[in-house]
Amino acid sequence: MFIEGAENLSKNVKVVDALNVFPVPDGDTGTNMNLSITSGVKEVKQNIQDDASKVAGSFAKGLLMGARGNSGVILSQLFRGFSKQVEGKSQITAADLAQAFERGVETAYKAVMKPVEGTILTVAKDAAKHSLKVSKKHNDVIYVMEETLKEAKASLKRTPDLLPVLKEVGVVDSGGQGLVYIYEGFLAALKGEALPEAISSEYVSMDNLVKIEHHNAQSHMATEDIEFGFCTEVMVRIQEEKLITNPYDEQKFRQELSEIGDSLLVVSDEDLIKVHIHAEQPGEVLTKAQRYGELINIKIENMREQHTHLLDETKEAYGQKSKPDLTSKEKSEFGIVTVAMGEGIAKLFKGLGAGVVIEGGQTMNPSTEDIVNAIEEVHAEKVIILPNNGNIIMAAEQAAQVVGEKAMVVPSKTVPQGLAALLSFNPTQGLEVNAGMMKDALTTVKSGQVTFAVRDTNIDGIDIKKNDFMGIAEKKIVSSGVDVLEVTKDLLQQMLDEDSEIVTLIQGEDATTEQTEQLASFLEVEFPEVEVDVQLGNQPLYSYIISVE
């Protein structure tokens, strides 16, 4: 069941990712759920046993360590509760199955500080409630699973009625859709039937080519020999209007990219271009690809770190370890673990005292295991974790629980909040006192972001066109337009008031120095009493990240 459920979700990841209610390119719910459940299945395959309790326990453990983003963490909690319910049972009945679904829902709801109805939680709850009801009258596992899936689908259709933003944009909840795909796989496995075909499967051949190229490259190099460190994949949806000024020639494009990386693969048809390359500057690849159309399905992985993991797994299979030996090094009293996207932002955090900066952010959520590993790497008696993204907080809290009392999470939701918290850190104080002071610091800073829309929509009463820039103050879109400078100026004017003292502009990889200088001049004229600080963040997706103190 677990394997088939994961397989069905994997087939439909793009569908789940596409159900994104926010008009920025952060469609990662399916990706996060897929990465999470894949980790669970990997653990199951390594511990195949004819014992329901042990299989469920392995699945829950793998999910816990691989959980990414809120959707992945919630999924891990659903099956953590599931496994607890069947603990000690080598075989399970229809009633056991229904009770396990119910226990999973209870566990997941407890894990979420402020549960929101109309999400994966609602779909899981409604399905489990119906499952319990049916199991009291029918002791047939297949029938109970059929009814569970039936109610999950019905609940999914109701999600727009519970969550206004879903109805506003015209989609169902993405996490709920992901859970439905998993339950479809469960039922197919129980019935011994083939999985239903994926909705969007016409580009599988391209993906397979990418996987072949990727694994060949990985298996023929040592970590220290990796010249180009980032496995970069991107798909371009060709836009005819862009081809007028930038005619597309596959061979020339391939030759151009070959000059900035290796292990290159470019595949294209009339509508799409798929690129796979190992490069040292992923942003340069994306910039070159964007000349021909809209970027979709972006994936960037640190191959040096990934390859080290592969070597670790191989050596551990033979009873060896290749992780750094930290036992001979004395632990420091405090360590700070933080998450950042963009080398410039990572340097900012390290300059302020962060011991380990995990690469990640809006589209690359680190897993619980990634954070646990970072806690171990910082090698300190007491550890404070700064997630800097609302979608990473749950994974961070889960990691803190795994390592025990020595770690605490300061729930920073933005980079400016993380920086403000780090500035308030006092090494002479204890762990709890520091965590409290740093949490208080989160309220002293306003956060702004400038990014772009991937489709036409209307959010918060603002009409937004595809490829428009958007100014976001905290979580609310307050400006939009075709000119990044005008949008950013409008955002700044709405963020600043008479109490504002310091504005920090963190420049992204798609913004220019000239644009940033114009913004700094604008602030000096319009807000002469405010101190302006400019930092080069090189972050993807966001032209500017803005901090106002």
Protein backbone atom coordinates (compact mmCIF):
# COMPACT_ATOMS: atom_id res chain seq x y z
CA MET A 1 0.00 0.00 0.00
CA PHE A 2 2.68 2.49 1.01
CA ILE A 3 4.78 1.82 -2.07
CA GLU A 4 1.84 2.12 -4.47
CA GLY A 5 0.54 5.22 -2.71
CA ALA A 6 3.92 6.89 -3.12
CA GLU A 7 4.14 5.78 -6.73
CA ASN A 8 0.77 7.29 -7.59
CA LEU A 9 1.67 10.59 -5.94
CA SER A 10 4.99 10.60 -7.78
CA LYS A 11 3.18 10.21 -11.10
CA ASN A 12 1.06 13.25 -10.34
CA VAL A 13 3.50 15.60 -8.64
CA LYS A 14 3.15 18.21 -11.40
CA VAL A 15 -0.62 18.22 -11.01
CA VAL A 16 -0.36 18.83 -7.26
CA ASP A 17 2.30 21.50 -7.72
CA ALA A 18 0.11 23.24 -10.30
CA LEU A 19 -2.70 23.71 -7.74
CA ASN A 20 -0.87 26.66 -6.27
CA VAL A 21 -3.14 29.35 -4.87
CA PHE A 22 -0.44 31.99 -4.59
CA PRO A 23 0.70 33.63 -7.85
CA VAL A 24 4.43 33.15 -7.38
CA PRO A 25 6.56 30.26 -8.64
CA ASP A 26 6.56 28.37 -5.34
CA GLY A 27 4.40 25.42 -6.43
CA ASP A 28 6.13 22.88 -4.24
CA THR A 29 3.37 21.06 -2.33
CA GLY A 30 3.53 18.00 -4.58
CA THR A 31 7.31 18.09 -4.64
CA ASN A 32 7.52 18.31 -0.86
CA MET A 33 4.95 15.55 -0.33
CA ASN A 34 6.66 13.36 -2.92
CA LEU A 35 10.13 13.83 -1.42
CA SER A 36 8.69 13.10 2.03
CA ILE A 37 6.78 9.95 1.13
CA THR A 38 9.66 8.71 -1.01
CA SER A 39 11.82 8.86 2.08
CA GLY A 40 9.22 6.79 3.92
CA VAL A 41 9.08 4.17 1.17
CA LYS A 42 12.88 3.97 1.05
CA GLU A 43 12.88 3.06 4.75
CA VAL A 44 10.17 0.44 4.15
CA LYS A 45 12.10 -1.17 1.30
CA GLN A 46 15.14 -1.45 3.55
CA ASN A 47 13.05 -3.21 6.22
CA ILE A 48 10.69 -5.53 4.32
CA GLN A 49 8.87 -7.72 6.86
CA ASP A 50 5.59 -9.64 7.08
CA ASP A 51 4.54 -7.54 10.04
CA ALA A 52 2.14 -4.63 9.65
CA SER A 53 3.36 -2.87 12.78
CA LYS A 54 7.02 -2.94 11.78
CA VAL A 55 6.30 -1.88 8.20
CA ALA A 56 4.17 1.03 9.42
CA GLY A 57 6.88 1.99 11.91
CA SER A 58 9.54 2.03 9.18
CA PHE A 59 7.30 4.13 6.94
CA ALA A 60 6.64 6.64 9.71
CA LYS A 61 10.34 6.90 10.58
CA GLY A 62 11.35 7.51 6.96
CA LEU A 63 8.60 10.11 6.54
CA LEU A 64 9.68 11.89 9.69
CA MET A 65 13.29 12.27 8.59
CA GLY A 66 12.42 13.16 5.01
CA ALA A 67 9.59 15.60 5.76
CA ARG A 68 9.82 18.82 3.72
CA GLY A 69 7.58 21.85 3.99
CA ASN A 70 4.31 22.04 5.88
CA SER A 71 2.61 19.53 3.59
CA GLY A 72 5.40 16.99 4.09
CA VAL A 73 5.45 17.46 7.86
CA ILE A 74 1.66 17.07 8.08
CA LEU A 75 1.89 13.92 5.96
CA SER A 76 4.57 12.55 8.28
CA GLN A 77 2.33 13.23 11.27
CA LEU A 78 -0.65 11.50 9.67
CA PHE A 79 1.37 8.31 9.36
CA ARG A 80 3.14 8.75 12.66
CA GLY A 81 -0.28 8.47 14.30
CA PHE A 82 -1.20 5.66 11.90
CA SER A 83 1.86 3.64 12.96
CA LYS A 84 1.20 4.25 16.67
CA GLN A 85 -2.32 2.86 16.30
CA VAL A 86 -1.17 -0.41 14.70
CA GLU A 87 1.82 -0.82 17.01
CA GLY A 88 2.22 -4.44 18.09
CA LYS A 89 -0.17 -5.78 15.44
CA SER A 90 1.41 -8.07 12.86
CA GLN A 91 -1.87 -8.08 10.90
CA ILE A 92 -4.59 -5.44 10.75
CA THR A 93 -8.33 -5.65 10.11
CA ALA A 94 -10.65 -3.19 8.40
CA ALA A 95 -11.45 -1.70 11.83
CA ASP A 96 -7.73 -1.37 12.60
CA LEU A 97 -7.18 0.44 9.31
CA ALA A 98 -9.99 2.91 10.00
CA GLN A 99 -8.76 3.54 13.56
CA ALA A 100 -5.24 4.09 12.25
CA PHE A 101 -6.48 6.76 9.84
CA GLU A 102 -8.33 8.44 12.72
CA ARG A 103 -5.28 8.33 15.02
CA GLY A 104 -3.21 9.86 12.24
CA VAL A 105 -5.63 12.79 11.96
CA GLU A 106 -5.51 13.38 15.72
CA THR A 107 -1.71 13.40 15.66
CA ALA A 108 -1.52 15.76 12.68
CA TYR A 109 -3.97 18.27 14.16
CA LYS A 110 -1.96 18.36 17.38
CA ALA A 111 1.21 19.10 15.40
CA VAL A 112 -0.25 22.22 13.77
CA MET A 113 -0.37 25.37 15.89
CA LYS A 114 -3.34 26.88 14.03
CA PRO A 115 -5.06 24.22 11.89
CA VAL A 116 -6.70 25.67 8.78
CA GLU A 117 -9.80 23.95 7.43
CA GLY A 118 -10.03 23.42 3.70
CA THR A 119 -6.58 21.86 3.57
CA ILE A 120 -5.05 18.36 3.64
CA LEU A 121 -6.04 18.22 7.32
CA THR A 122 -9.73 18.52 6.45
CA VAL A 123 -9.53 15.91 3.70
CA ALA A 124 -7.77 13.47 6.04
CA LYS A 125 -10.25 14.18 8.87
CA ASP A 126 -13.38 13.73 6.76
CA ALA A 127 -12.05 10.56 5.16
CA ALA A 128 -11.05 9.06 8.52
CA LYS A 129 -14.40 9.88 10.11
CA HIS A 130 -16.24 8.16 7.27
CA SER A 131 -13.81 5.25 7.40
CA LEU A 132 -14.60 4.67 11.09
CA LYS A 133 -18.34 4.78 10.42
CA VAL A 134 -18.13 2.27 7.56
CA SER A 135 -15.80 -0.11 9.44
CA LYS A 136 -18.40 -0.59 12.18
CA LYS A 137 -20.71 -2.25 9.64
CA HIS A 138 -18.26 -3.84 7.17
CA ASN A 139 -15.20 -5.93 8.04
CA ASP A 140 -13.82 -5.81 4.49
CA VAL A 141 -10.54 -3.93 4.16
CA ILE A 142 -11.00 -3.21 0.45
CA TYR A 143 -14.51 -1.89 0.94
CA VAL A 144 -13.40 0.38 3.81
CA MET A 145 -10.54 1.73 1.69
CA GLU A 146 -12.92 2.32 -1.23
CA GLU A 147 -15.21 4.33 1.03
CA THR A 148 -12.27 6.20 2.57
CA LEU A 149 -11.09 7.27 -0.87
CA LYS A 150 -14.62 8.15 -1.95
CA GLU A 151 -15.05 10.50 1.03
CA ALA A 152 -11.54 11.96 0.56
CA LYS A 153 -12.47 12.94 -3.00
CA ALA A 154 -15.77 14.44 -1.84
CA SER A 155 -14.00 16.39 0.90
CA LEU A 156 -11.43 17.63 -1.60
CA LYS A 157 -14.21 19.07 -3.76
CA ARG A 158 -15.53 20.93 -0.71
CA THR A 159 -12.21 22.60 0.17
CA PRO A 160 -12.93 25.79 -1.85
CA ASP A 161 -16.04 26.32 0.27
CA LEU A 162 -13.92 26.30 3.44
CA LEU A 163 -10.87 28.25 2.29
CA PRO A 164 -11.82 31.47 0.44
CA VAL A 165 -8.51 31.82 -1.41
CA LEU A 166 -9.13 28.46 -3.11
CA LYS A 167 -12.52 29.58 -4.38
CA GLU A 168 -11.10 32.96 -5.41
CA VAL A 169 -8.50 31.36 -7.64
CA GLY A 170 -10.65 28.38 -8.68
CA VAL A 171 -8.68 25.38 -7.39
CA VAL A 172 -8.98 22.65 -4.78
CA ASP A 173 -6.40 22.29 -2.02
CA SER A 174 -3.09 20.96 -3.34
CA GLY A 175 -2.19 19.00 -0.21
CA GLY A 176 -5.62 17.41 -0.15
CA GLN A 177 -5.22 16.44 -3.81
CA GLY A 178 -1.87 14.85 -2.97
CA LEU A 179 -3.48 12.80 -0.20
CA VAL A 180 -6.19 11.62 -2.60
CA TYR A 181 -3.49 10.38 -5.00
CA ILE A 182 -1.87 8.47 -2.13
CA TYR A 183 -5.18 6.86 -1.16
CA GLU A 184 -5.79 5.92 -4.81
CA GLY A 185 -2.49 4.06 -4.71
CA PHE A 186 -3.47 2.35 -1.45
CA LEU A 187 -6.69 1.05 -3.00
CA ALA A 188 -4.99 -0.11 -6.20
CA ALA A 189 -2.49 -2.11 -4.12
CA LEU A 190 -5.22 -3.74 -2.03
CA LYS A 191 -7.18 -4.71 -5.14
CA GLY A 192 -4.10 -5.82 -7.05
CA GLU A 193 -4.88 -3.40 -9.86
CA ALA A 194 -2.61 -1.24 -11.97
CA LEU A 195 -2.29 2.39 -10.92
CA PRO A 196 -4.34 4.90 -12.92
CA GLU A 197 -2.44 6.80 -15.58
CA ALA A 198 -0.96 10.14 -14.58
CA ILE A 199 -2.79 13.21 -15.89
CA SER A 200 0.36 14.87 -17.19
CA SER A 201 2.64 12.15 -18.53
CA GLU A 202 3.59 13.43 -21.97
CA TYR A 203 7.04 14.63 -20.83
CA VAL A 204 8.13 11.48 -19.01
CA SER A 205 10.62 10.68 -21.75
CA MET A 206 12.39 13.99 -21.15
CA ASP A 207 12.53 13.34 -17.42
CA ASN A 208 13.91 9.85 -17.98
CA LEU A 209 16.68 11.26 -20.16
CA VAL A 210 17.55 13.71 -17.40
CA LYS A 211 17.68 10.96 -14.77
CA ILE A 212 19.97 8.81 -16.91
CA GLU A 213 22.36 11.69 -17.51
CA HIS A 214 22.28 12.70 -13.85
CA HIS A 215 23.09 9.27 -12.43
CA ASN A 216 25.82 8.61 -14.96
CA ALA A 217 27.54 11.81 -13.91
CA GLN A 218 27.18 11.02 -10.22
CA SER A 219 28.62 7.54 -10.44
CA HIS A 220 31.85 8.47 -12.18
CA MET A 221 33.32 11.19 -9.98
CA ALA A 222 34.66 11.78 -6.51
CA THR A 223 33.19 14.63 -4.49
CA GLU A 224 36.38 16.70 -4.70
CA ASP A 225 36.41 16.31 -8.49
CA ILE A 226 33.04 17.99 -8.98
CA GLU A 227 33.92 21.18 -10.85
CA PHE A 228 30.35 22.36 -11.35
CA GLY A 229 28.49 21.95 -8.09
CA PHE A 230 24.80 22.39 -8.84
CA CYS A 231 22.60 19.96 -10.74
CA THR A 232 20.24 22.39 -12.44
CA GLU A 233 17.06 21.38 -14.21
CA VAL A 234 14.54 23.70 -15.78
CA MET A 235 11.71 23.40 -18.26
CA VAL A 236 10.83 26.36 -20.48
CA ARG A 237 7.33 26.83 -21.83
CA ILE A 238 8.13 28.54 -25.15
CA GLN A 239 6.52 31.96 -25.69
CA GLU A 240 6.28 33.05 -29.31
CA GLU A 241 6.58 36.75 -28.48
CA LYS A 242 10.00 36.15 -26.93
CA LEU A 243 11.21 34.24 -29.99
CA ILE A 244 10.78 37.38 -32.10
CA THR A 245 13.79 39.01 -30.45
CA ASN A 246 15.50 35.77 -29.39
CA PRO A 247 15.09 33.09 -32.10
CA TYR A 248 15.57 29.63 -30.63
CA ASP A 249 18.18 27.32 -32.12
CA GLU A 250 18.62 24.13 -30.10
CA GLN A 251 22.19 23.48 -31.22
CA LYS A 252 23.33 27.05 -30.55
CA PHE A 253 21.62 27.08 -27.14
CA ARG A 254 23.29 23.78 -26.26
CA GLN A 255 26.66 25.17 -27.32
CA GLU A 256 26.13 28.34 -25.28
CA LEU A 257 25.27 26.39 -22.15
CA SER A 258 28.22 24.03 -22.64
CA GLU A 259 30.52 26.96 -21.90
CA ILE A 260 29.22 27.33 -18.34
CA GLY A 261 28.81 23.72 -17.24
CA ASP A 262 28.94 20.03 -18.10
CA SER A 263 26.68 16.94 -18.16
CA LEU A 264 24.46 19.00 -20.40
CA LEU A 265 21.17 17.83 -21.85
CA VAL A 266 18.84 20.02 -23.92
CA VAL A 267 15.63 18.48 -25.28
CA SER A 268 12.91 20.48 -26.99
CA ASP A 269 9.73 20.26 -29.03
CA GLU A 270 7.32 22.89 -30.35
CA ASP A 271 6.15 23.92 -26.90
CA LEU A 272 8.83 23.05 -24.39
CA ILE A 273 12.55 23.13 -23.75
CA LYS A 274 13.98 20.87 -21.04
CA VAL A 275 17.47 21.65 -19.74
CA HIS A 276 19.69 19.61 -17.47
CA ILE A 277 23.18 20.88 -16.66
CA HIS A 278 25.78 20.76 -13.92
CA ALA A 279 26.75 24.39 -13.39
CA GLU A 280 28.46 26.53 -10.76
CA GLN A 281 26.07 29.48 -11.26
CA PRO A 282 22.50 28.11 -11.60
CA GLY A 283 21.09 31.63 -11.89
CA GLU A 284 23.01 32.17 -15.12
CA VAL A 285 21.40 29.06 -16.61
CA LEU A 286 17.91 30.27 -15.66
CA THR A 287 18.58 33.73 -17.09
CA LYS A 288 19.68 32.29 -20.42
CA ALA A 289 16.70 29.92 -20.55
CA GLN A 290 14.20 32.66 -19.71
CA ARG A 291 14.93 34.43 -22.98
CA TYR A 292 12.77 31.86 -24.76
CA GLY A 293 9.75 31.66 -22.49
CA GLU A 294 8.30 31.00 -19.07
CA LEU A 295 10.38 28.94 -16.64
CA ILE A 296 8.59 25.98 -15.06
CA ASN A 297 9.67 22.94 -13.02
CA ILE A 298 12.91 24.45 -11.74
CA LYS A 299 15.06 22.14 -9.61
CA ILE A 300 18.51 22.95 -8.24
CA GLU A 301 20.49 20.50 -6.09
CA ASN A 302 23.89 20.83 -4.45
CA MET A 303 25.72 17.85 -5.96
CA ARG A 304 28.69 18.02 -3.63
CA GLU A 305 26.40 17.52 -0.65
CA GLN A 306 24.29 14.99 -2.56
CA HIS A 307 27.33 12.99 -3.64
CA THR A 308 28.65 12.90 -0.08
CA HIS A 309 25.30 11.42 0.99
CA LEU A 310 25.57 8.77 -1.74
CA LEU A 311 29.05 7.84 -0.54
CA ASP A 312 27.78 7.73 3.05
CA GLU A 313 24.97 5.34 2.09
CA THR A 314 27.35 3.08 0.20
CA LYS A 315 29.85 2.94 3.04
CA GLU A 316 27.16 2.45 5.66
CA ALA A 317 25.89 -0.54 3.65
CA TYR A 318 29.29 -2.11 4.36
CA GLY A 319 29.29 -1.07 8.01
CA GLN A 320 31.46 2.02 7.48
CA LYS A 321 30.92 5.68 8.26
CA SER A 322 32.14 8.68 6.31
CA LYS A 323 30.60 11.49 8.35
CA PRO A 324 33.05 13.96 9.88
CA ASP A 325 34.45 12.85 13.22
CA LEU A 326 33.46 15.58 15.65
CA THR A 327 34.17 13.61 18.83
CA SER A 328 37.69 14.97 19.16
CA LYS A 329 36.54 18.56 18.78
CA GLU A 330 35.27 20.29 21.91
CA LYS A 331 31.68 21.51 21.61
CA SER A 332 31.02 25.23 21.69
CA GLU A 333 28.40 26.48 24.12
CA PHE A 334 26.06 27.95 21.47
CA GLY A 335 25.43 27.22 17.82
CA ILE A 336 23.09 28.94 15.37
CA VAL A 337 21.54 26.99 12.47
CA THR A 338 19.70 29.01 9.85
CA VAL A 339 18.20 28.58 6.38
CA ALA A 340 18.94 30.91 3.46
CA MET A 341 18.66 31.06 -0.33
CA GLY A 342 21.38 32.95 -2.17
CA GLU A 343 25.09 33.01 -1.40
CA GLY A 344 24.99 36.67 -0.42
CA ILE A 345 22.31 36.08 2.22
CA ALA A 346 24.23 33.06 3.50
CA LYS A 347 27.31 35.29 3.97
CA LEU A 348 25.19 37.84 5.84
CA PHE A 349 24.05 35.20 8.34
CA LYS A 350 27.53 33.77 8.76
CA GLY A 351 28.91 37.26 9.27
CA LEU A 352 26.46 37.73 12.14
CA GLY A 353 27.49 34.49 13.82
CA ALA A 354 25.48 31.64 12.25
CA GLY A 355 27.48 28.41 12.50
CA VAL A 356 25.69 26.46 9.76
CA VAL A 357 23.58 27.90 6.94
CA ILE A 358 21.36 25.35 5.19
CA GLU A 359 20.74 26.09 1.55
CA GLY A 360 17.01 26.38 1.00
CA GLY A 361 14.01 28.64 0.98
CA GLN A 362 10.69 29.07 -0.80
CA THR A 363 11.18 26.39 -3.46
CA MET A 364 13.80 24.26 -1.76
CA ASN A 365 12.54 23.36 1.71
CA PRO A 366 15.13 21.44 3.75
CA SER A 367 13.93 18.22 5.32
CA THR A 368 13.82 17.35 9.00
CA GLU A 369 16.89 15.20 8.43
CA ASP A 370 18.75 18.09 6.75
CA ILE A 371 18.13 20.23 9.83
CA VAL A 372 19.09 17.42 12.23
CA ASN A 373 22.35 16.99 10.32
CA ALA A 374 22.99 20.74 10.53
CA ILE A 375 22.41 20.67 14.30
CA GLU A 376 24.99 17.90 14.59
CA GLU A 377 27.40 19.77 12.31
CA VAL A 378 27.26 22.99 14.34
CA HIS A 379 28.58 20.86 17.24
CA ALA A 380 27.28 22.89 20.18
CA GLU A 381 25.78 22.24 23.59
CA LYS A 382 22.83 24.55 22.84
CA VAL A 383 21.43 25.22 19.36
CA ILE A 384 19.02 27.86 18.07
CA ILE A 385 17.34 27.27 14.70
CA LEU A 386 16.13 30.13 12.46
CA PRO A 387 13.92 28.74 9.62
CA ASN A 388 13.34 32.14 7.91
CA ASN A 389 10.32 30.71 6.07
CA GLY A 390 6.86 29.80 7.32
CA ASN A 391 6.93 26.58 5.31
CA ILE A 392 10.06 25.36 7.12
CA ILE A 393 9.04 26.03 10.74
CA MET A 394 7.31 22.68 11.27
CA ALA A 395 10.27 20.71 9.90
CA ALA A 396 12.58 22.74 12.18
CA GLU A 397 10.41 22.06 15.22
CA GLN A 398 10.35 18.38 14.34
CA ALA A 399 14.16 18.37 14.06
CA ALA A 400 14.44 20.04 17.48
CA GLN A 401 12.26 17.29 18.96
CA VAL A 402 14.47 14.62 17.38
CA VAL A 403 17.67 15.96 18.95
CA GLY A 404 16.11 16.71 22.34
CA GLU A 405 16.31 19.56 24.83
CA LYS A 406 19.49 21.16 23.45
CA ALA A 407 17.74 22.80 20.45
CA MET A 408 15.05 25.49 20.22
CA VAL A 409 13.32 27.05 17.22
CA VAL A 410 12.87 30.80 16.85
CA PRO A 411 10.02 30.83 14.29
CA SER A 412 11.34 33.45 11.86
CA LYS A 413 9.20 33.52 8.71
CA THR A 414 11.38 35.83 6.58
CA VAL A 415 15.04 36.65 6.05
CA PRO A 416 14.66 40.12 7.67
CA GLN A 417 13.13 38.48 10.74
CA GLY A 418 16.00 36.00 10.90
CA LEU A 419 18.60 38.76 10.67
CA ALA A 420 16.84 40.81 13.36
CA ALA A 421 16.67 37.78 15.64
CA LEU A 422 20.35 36.98 15.14
CA LEU A 423 21.33 40.57 15.99
CA SER A 424 19.60 40.21 19.36
CA PHE A 425 21.47 37.02 20.31
CA ASN A 426 23.45 37.34 23.55
CA PRO A 427 25.96 34.52 24.26
CA THR A 428 26.04 35.41 27.98
CA GLN A 429 22.41 34.37 28.40
CA GLY A 430 20.89 30.89 28.52
CA LEU A 431 19.13 29.01 25.72
CA GLU A 432 15.55 29.81 26.76
CA VAL A 433 16.32 33.47 27.52
CA ASN A 434 18.01 33.89 24.14
CA ALA A 435 15.16 32.18 22.32
CA GLY A 436 12.70 34.50 24.06
CA MET A 437 14.67 37.65 23.20
CA MET A 438 15.08 36.53 19.60
CA LYS A 439 11.35 35.81 19.28
CA ASP A 440 10.64 39.32 20.57
CA ALA A 441 12.99 40.71 17.92
CA LEU A 442 10.83 39.20 15.17
CA THR A 443 8.21 41.87 15.86
CA THR A 444 10.65 44.78 15.46
CA VAL A 445 11.09 44.38 11.71
CA LYS A 446 8.78 44.66 8.69
CA SER A 447 9.44 42.30 5.79
CA GLY A 448 8.88 43.01 2.09
CA GLN A 449 9.50 41.03 -1.08
CA VAL A 450 9.38 41.76 -4.78
CA THR A 451 8.77 38.79 -7.07
CA PHE A 452 6.80 37.99 -10.24
CA ALA A 453 3.53 36.25 -11.08
CA VAL A 454 3.32 33.05 -13.11
CA ARG A 455 -0.27 33.55 -14.26
CA ASP A 456 -3.16 36.02 -14.35
CA THR A 457 -5.06 36.17 -11.08
CA ASN A 458 -6.75 38.44 -8.57
CA ILE A 459 -5.57 38.38 -4.99
CA ASP A 460 -6.55 40.77 -2.20
CA GLY A 461 -8.57 42.80 -4.73
CA ILE A 462 -5.54 43.44 -6.94
CA ASP A 463 -5.57 42.33 -10.59
CA ILE A 464 -2.24 40.71 -11.42
CA LYS A 465 -1.14 39.79 -14.92
CA LYS A 466 1.23 37.00 -15.82
CA ASN A 467 4.91 38.09 -15.54
CA ASP A 468 3.94 41.22 -13.57
CA PHE A 469 6.12 42.11 -10.62
CA MET A 470 4.45 42.05 -7.21
CA GLY A 471 5.29 43.91 -4.02
CA ILE A 472 4.45 41.89 -0.92
CA ALA A 473 4.38 43.48 2.54
CA GLU A 474 4.48 40.66 5.09
CA LYS A 475 1.95 38.27 3.45
CA LYS A 476 -0.19 40.83 1.64
CA ILE A 477 0.26 41.88 -1.99
CA VAL A 478 0.17 45.69 -2.01
CA SER A 479 1.47 46.61 -5.48
CA SER A 480 1.91 45.13 -8.94
CA GLY A 481 3.03 46.20 -12.40
CA VAL A 482 5.40 45.58 -15.29
CA ASP A 483 8.24 47.79 -13.95
CA VAL A 484 10.22 46.32 -11.06
CA LEU A 485 11.42 49.76 -9.94
CA GLU A 486 7.94 51.27 -9.77
CA VAL A 487 6.56 48.24 -7.93
CA THR A 488 9.45 48.33 -5.43
CA LYS A 489 9.06 52.08 -4.85
CA ASP A 490 5.34 51.64 -4.26
CA LEU A 491 6.06 48.82 -1.80
CA LEU A 492 8.62 50.94 0.08
CA GLN A 493 6.21 53.85 0.38
CA GLN A 494 3.60 51.56 1.94
CA MET A 495 6.08 49.91 4.31
CA LEU A 496 7.75 53.06 5.67
CA ASP A 497 6.24 55.43 8.22
CA GLU A 498 7.45 58.12 10.62
CA ASP A 499 8.86 55.48 13.01
CA SER A 500 11.05 53.83 10.35
CA GLU A 501 14.78 54.25 10.95
CA ILE A 502 16.66 51.71 8.80
CA VAL A 503 15.85 50.20 5.40
CA THR A 504 17.88 47.26 4.11
CA LEU A 505 17.62 46.39 0.40
CA ILE A 506 18.80 42.85 -0.36
CA GLN A 507 19.39 42.62 -4.12
CA GLY A 508 18.39 39.40 -5.91
CA GLU A 509 20.16 37.69 -8.78
CA ASP A 510 17.81 39.12 -11.44
CA ALA A 511 18.12 42.74 -10.24
CA THR A 512 20.89 45.08 -11.41
CA THR A 513 23.23 47.38 -9.51
CA GLU A 514 21.84 50.33 -11.47
CA GLN A 515 18.28 49.52 -10.35
CA THR A 516 19.39 49.22 -6.74
CA GLU A 517 21.23 52.57 -6.91
CA GLN A 518 18.05 54.19 -8.24
CA LEU A 519 16.06 52.76 -5.33
CA ALA A 520 18.63 54.00 -2.82
CA SER A 521 18.46 57.50 -4.38
CA PHE A 522 14.66 57.37 -4.24
CA LEU A 523 14.79 56.61 -0.51
CA GLU A 524 17.29 59.38 0.16
CA VAL A 525 14.97 61.92 -1.50
CA GLU A 526 11.61 60.68 -0.20
CA PHE A 527 12.75 59.54 3.26
CA PRO A 528 15.86 61.60 4.13
CA GLU A 529 15.74 60.64 7.83
CA VAL A 530 15.99 56.93 7.07
CA GLU A 531 19.34 55.13 6.90
CA VAL A 532 19.68 52.96 3.77
CA ASP A 533 21.75 49.77 3.74
CA VAL A 534 22.28 47.81 0.50
CA GLN A 535 23.30 44.14 0.51
CA LEU A 536 23.95 41.77 -2.42
CA GLY A 537 21.91 38.66 -1.65
CA ASN A 538 21.93 36.92 -5.06
CA GLN A 539 18.71 35.19 -4.02
CA PRO A 540 16.62 33.52 -6.77
CA LEU A 541 12.93 34.35 -7.40
CA TYR A 542 12.93 37.60 -5.43
CA SER A 543 14.28 40.75 -7.10
CA TYR A 544 14.42 42.40 -3.70
CA ILE A 545 13.98 41.39 -0.09
CA ILE A 546 13.33 44.44 2.07
CA SER A 547 13.77 44.96 5.79
CA VAL A 548 12.35 48.01 7.57
CA GLU A 549 13.28 48.65 11.20
